[in-house]
Amino acid sequence: MNGQNRKDVLPGMVVDIVLKKDQKSGKLTRGIVKDILTNSGTHPHGIKVRLTDGQIGRVQKIHP
């Protein structure tokens, strides 16, 4: 799953996100979703989330 649909992203899931500072390089950061910050149902660049360690970014990949 690519993380563009809000219904696919739930707190407690392991995801790869791209941080704002890493958008140009595309470097991914893995973590566990704490909060979902995007209100709309979908977003073309990925749903914005806060990880349990406080980092904020857009979901690029959801891990099972």
N, C-alpha and C. Protein backbone atom coordinates (compact mmCIF):
# COMPACT_ATOMS: atom_id res chain seq x y z
N MET A 1 0.84 -1.18 0.00
CA MET A 1 0.00 0.00 0.00
C MET A 1 0.88 1.24 0.00
N ASN A 2 0.40 2.28 -0.65
CA ASN A 2 1.24 3.45 -0.86
C ASN A 2 0.98 4.61 0.11
N GLY A 3 -0.01 4.52 0.98
CA GLY A 3 -0.21 5.55 1.99
C GLY A 3 -0.93 6.79 1.52
N GLN A 4 -1.62 6.71 0.39
CA GLN A 4 -2.35 7.88 -0.11
C GLN A 4 -3.80 7.91 0.36
N ASN A 5 -4.31 6.80 0.91
CA ASN A 5 -5.68 6.75 1.40
C ASN A 5 -5.68 6.75 2.92
N ARG A 6 -6.44 7.68 3.50
CA ARG A 6 -6.47 7.83 4.95
C ARG A 6 -7.00 6.57 5.63
N LYS A 7 -7.96 5.89 4.98
CA LYS A 7 -8.56 4.69 5.59
C LYS A 7 -7.56 3.55 5.74
N ASP A 8 -6.46 3.59 4.98
CA ASP A 8 -5.45 2.53 5.04
C ASP A 8 -4.43 2.75 6.17
N VAL A 9 -4.41 3.96 6.74
CA VAL A 9 -3.40 4.31 7.75
C VAL A 9 -4.07 4.37 9.12
N LEU A 10 -3.56 3.57 10.06
CA LEU A 10 -4.13 3.52 11.41
C LEU A 10 -3.04 3.68 12.45
N PRO A 11 -3.35 4.28 13.60
CA PRO A 11 -2.35 4.36 14.68
C PRO A 11 -1.85 2.97 15.06
N GLY A 12 -0.55 2.86 15.30
CA GLY A 12 0.06 1.58 15.66
C GLY A 12 0.68 0.85 14.49
N MET A 13 0.42 1.31 13.26
CA MET A 13 0.99 0.66 12.07
C MET A 13 2.45 1.06 11.89
N VAL A 14 3.23 0.16 11.32
CA VAL A 14 4.62 0.46 10.95
C VAL A 14 4.60 0.99 9.52
N VAL A 15 5.18 2.19 9.34
CA VAL A 15 5.17 2.85 8.03
C VAL A 15 6.53 3.45 7.73
N ASP A 16 6.77 3.71 6.44
CA ASP A 16 7.91 4.52 6.01
C ASP A 16 7.36 5.87 5.61
N ILE A 17 7.95 6.94 6.17
CA ILE A 17 7.52 8.29 5.82
C ILE A 17 8.69 9.05 5.21
N VAL A 18 8.37 10.12 4.49
CA VAL A 18 9.40 11.04 4.03
C VAL A 18 9.22 12.33 4.82
N LEU A 19 10.29 12.75 5.49
CA LEU A 19 10.27 13.98 6.27
C LEU A 19 10.39 15.17 5.34
N LYS A 20 9.94 16.34 5.78
CA LYS A 20 10.00 17.56 4.97
C LYS A 20 11.44 17.81 4.47
N LYS A 21 12.41 17.66 5.37
CA LYS A 21 13.80 17.93 5.00
C LYS A 21 14.36 16.90 4.02
N ASP A 22 13.71 15.73 3.91
CA ASP A 22 14.20 14.67 3.03
C ASP A 22 13.41 14.55 1.73
N GLN A 23 12.50 15.50 1.46
CA GLN A 23 11.66 15.38 0.27
C GLN A 23 12.46 15.38 -1.03
N LYS A 24 13.53 16.18 -1.09
CA LYS A 24 14.34 16.22 -2.31
C LYS A 24 15.10 14.92 -2.54
N SER A 25 15.67 14.37 -1.46
CA SER A 25 16.46 13.14 -1.60
C SER A 25 15.58 11.90 -1.64
N GLY A 26 14.38 11.98 -1.05
CA GLY A 26 13.49 10.83 -1.02
C GLY A 26 13.83 9.82 0.08
N LYS A 27 14.72 10.22 1.02
CA LYS A 27 15.11 9.33 2.12
C LYS A 27 13.89 9.02 2.98
N LEU A 28 13.72 7.73 3.29
CA LEU A 28 12.57 7.29 4.08
C LEU A 28 12.97 7.05 5.54
N THR A 29 12.02 7.30 6.43
CA THR A 29 12.20 7.07 7.86
C THR A 29 11.12 6.11 8.31
N ARG A 30 11.50 5.02 8.98
CA ARG A 30 10.53 4.02 9.44
C ARG A 30 10.13 4.31 10.88
N GLY A 31 8.84 4.11 11.16
CA GLY A 31 8.37 4.32 12.52
C GLY A 31 6.94 3.83 12.68
N ILE A 32 6.41 4.05 13.87
CA ILE A 32 5.06 3.62 14.21
C ILE A 32 4.15 4.84 14.29
N VAL A 33 2.99 4.78 13.63
CA VAL A 33 2.06 5.91 13.59
C VAL A 33 1.48 6.16 14.98
N LYS A 34 1.56 7.42 15.41
CA LYS A 34 0.91 7.84 16.66
C LYS A 34 -0.37 8.59 16.35
N ASP A 35 -0.28 9.61 15.46
CA ASP A 35 -1.43 10.43 15.10
C ASP A 35 -1.51 10.60 13.59
N ILE A 36 -2.74 10.69 13.07
CA ILE A 36 -2.95 11.00 11.66
C ILE A 36 -3.29 12.48 11.57
N LEU A 37 -2.52 13.23 10.78
CA LEU A 37 -2.67 14.68 10.73
C LEU A 37 -3.46 15.17 9.52
N THR A 38 -3.56 14.36 8.48
CA THR A 38 -4.33 14.74 7.28
C THR A 38 -5.81 14.49 7.54
N ASN A 39 -6.64 15.49 7.25
CA ASN A 39 -8.08 15.35 7.47
C ASN A 39 -8.81 14.79 6.26
N SER A 40 -8.30 15.06 5.05
CA SER A 40 -8.99 14.60 3.85
C SER A 40 -8.83 13.09 3.67
N GLY A 41 -9.71 12.49 2.87
CA GLY A 41 -9.71 11.05 2.66
C GLY A 41 -8.50 10.54 1.91
N THR A 42 -8.00 11.35 0.98
CA THR A 42 -6.82 10.96 0.20
C THR A 42 -5.89 12.16 0.06
N HIS A 43 -4.64 11.89 -0.25
CA HIS A 43 -3.66 12.94 -0.54
C HIS A 43 -2.65 12.38 -1.53
N PRO A 44 -2.39 13.09 -2.64
CA PRO A 44 -1.50 12.55 -3.67
C PRO A 44 -0.05 12.34 -3.22
N HIS A 45 0.40 13.08 -2.21
CA HIS A 45 1.78 12.94 -1.74
C HIS A 45 1.90 12.05 -0.52
N GLY A 46 0.78 11.50 -0.06
CA GLY A 46 0.79 10.63 1.12
C GLY A 46 0.11 11.29 2.30
N ILE A 47 -0.48 10.48 3.15
CA ILE A 47 -1.15 10.97 4.35
C ILE A 47 -0.10 11.44 5.36
N LYS A 48 -0.30 12.64 5.92
CA LYS A 48 0.66 13.18 6.89
C LYS A 48 0.37 12.58 8.27
N VAL A 49 1.43 12.07 8.91
CA VAL A 49 1.29 11.44 10.22
C VAL A 49 2.39 11.91 11.17
N ARG A 50 2.14 11.72 12.47
CA ARG A 50 3.16 11.91 13.50
C ARG A 50 3.53 10.53 14.01
N LEU A 51 4.81 10.24 14.05
CA LEU A 51 5.29 8.96 14.57
C LEU A 51 5.39 9.01 16.10
N THR A 52 5.55 7.85 16.72
CA THR A 52 5.64 7.79 18.18
C THR A 52 6.85 8.56 18.71
N ASP A 53 7.89 8.74 17.88
CA ASP A 53 9.06 9.50 18.32
C ASP A 53 8.93 11.00 18.04
N GLY A 54 7.76 11.44 17.51
CA GLY A 54 7.50 12.86 17.31
C GLY A 54 7.77 13.38 15.91
N GLN A 55 8.41 12.59 15.07
CA GLN A 55 8.69 13.04 13.71
C GLN A 55 7.42 13.07 12.88
N ILE A 56 7.34 14.07 11.98
CA ILE A 56 6.15 14.25 11.14
C ILE A 56 6.56 14.15 9.68
N GLY A 57 5.77 13.40 8.91
CA GLY A 57 6.04 13.27 7.49
C GLY A 57 4.87 12.61 6.78
N ARG A 58 5.05 12.39 5.49
CA ARG A 58 4.00 11.79 4.68
C ARG A 58 4.30 10.32 4.42
N VAL A 59 3.26 9.48 4.58
CA VAL A 59 3.41 8.04 4.43
C VAL A 59 3.70 7.69 2.97
N GLN A 60 4.78 6.93 2.76
CA GLN A 60 5.15 6.46 1.43
C GLN A 60 4.88 4.96 1.28
N LYS A 61 4.98 4.22 2.39
CA LYS A 61 4.78 2.78 2.34
C LYS A 61 4.25 2.29 3.68
N ILE A 62 3.30 1.37 3.61
CA ILE A 62 2.73 0.76 4.81
C ILE A 62 3.24 -0.68 4.89
N HIS A 63 3.76 -1.06 6.07
CA HIS A 63 4.27 -2.41 6.26
C HIS A 63 3.23 -3.28 6.96
N PRO A 64 3.11 -4.54 6.56
CA PRO A 64 2.11 -5.43 7.16
C PRO A 64 2.45 -5.77 8.61
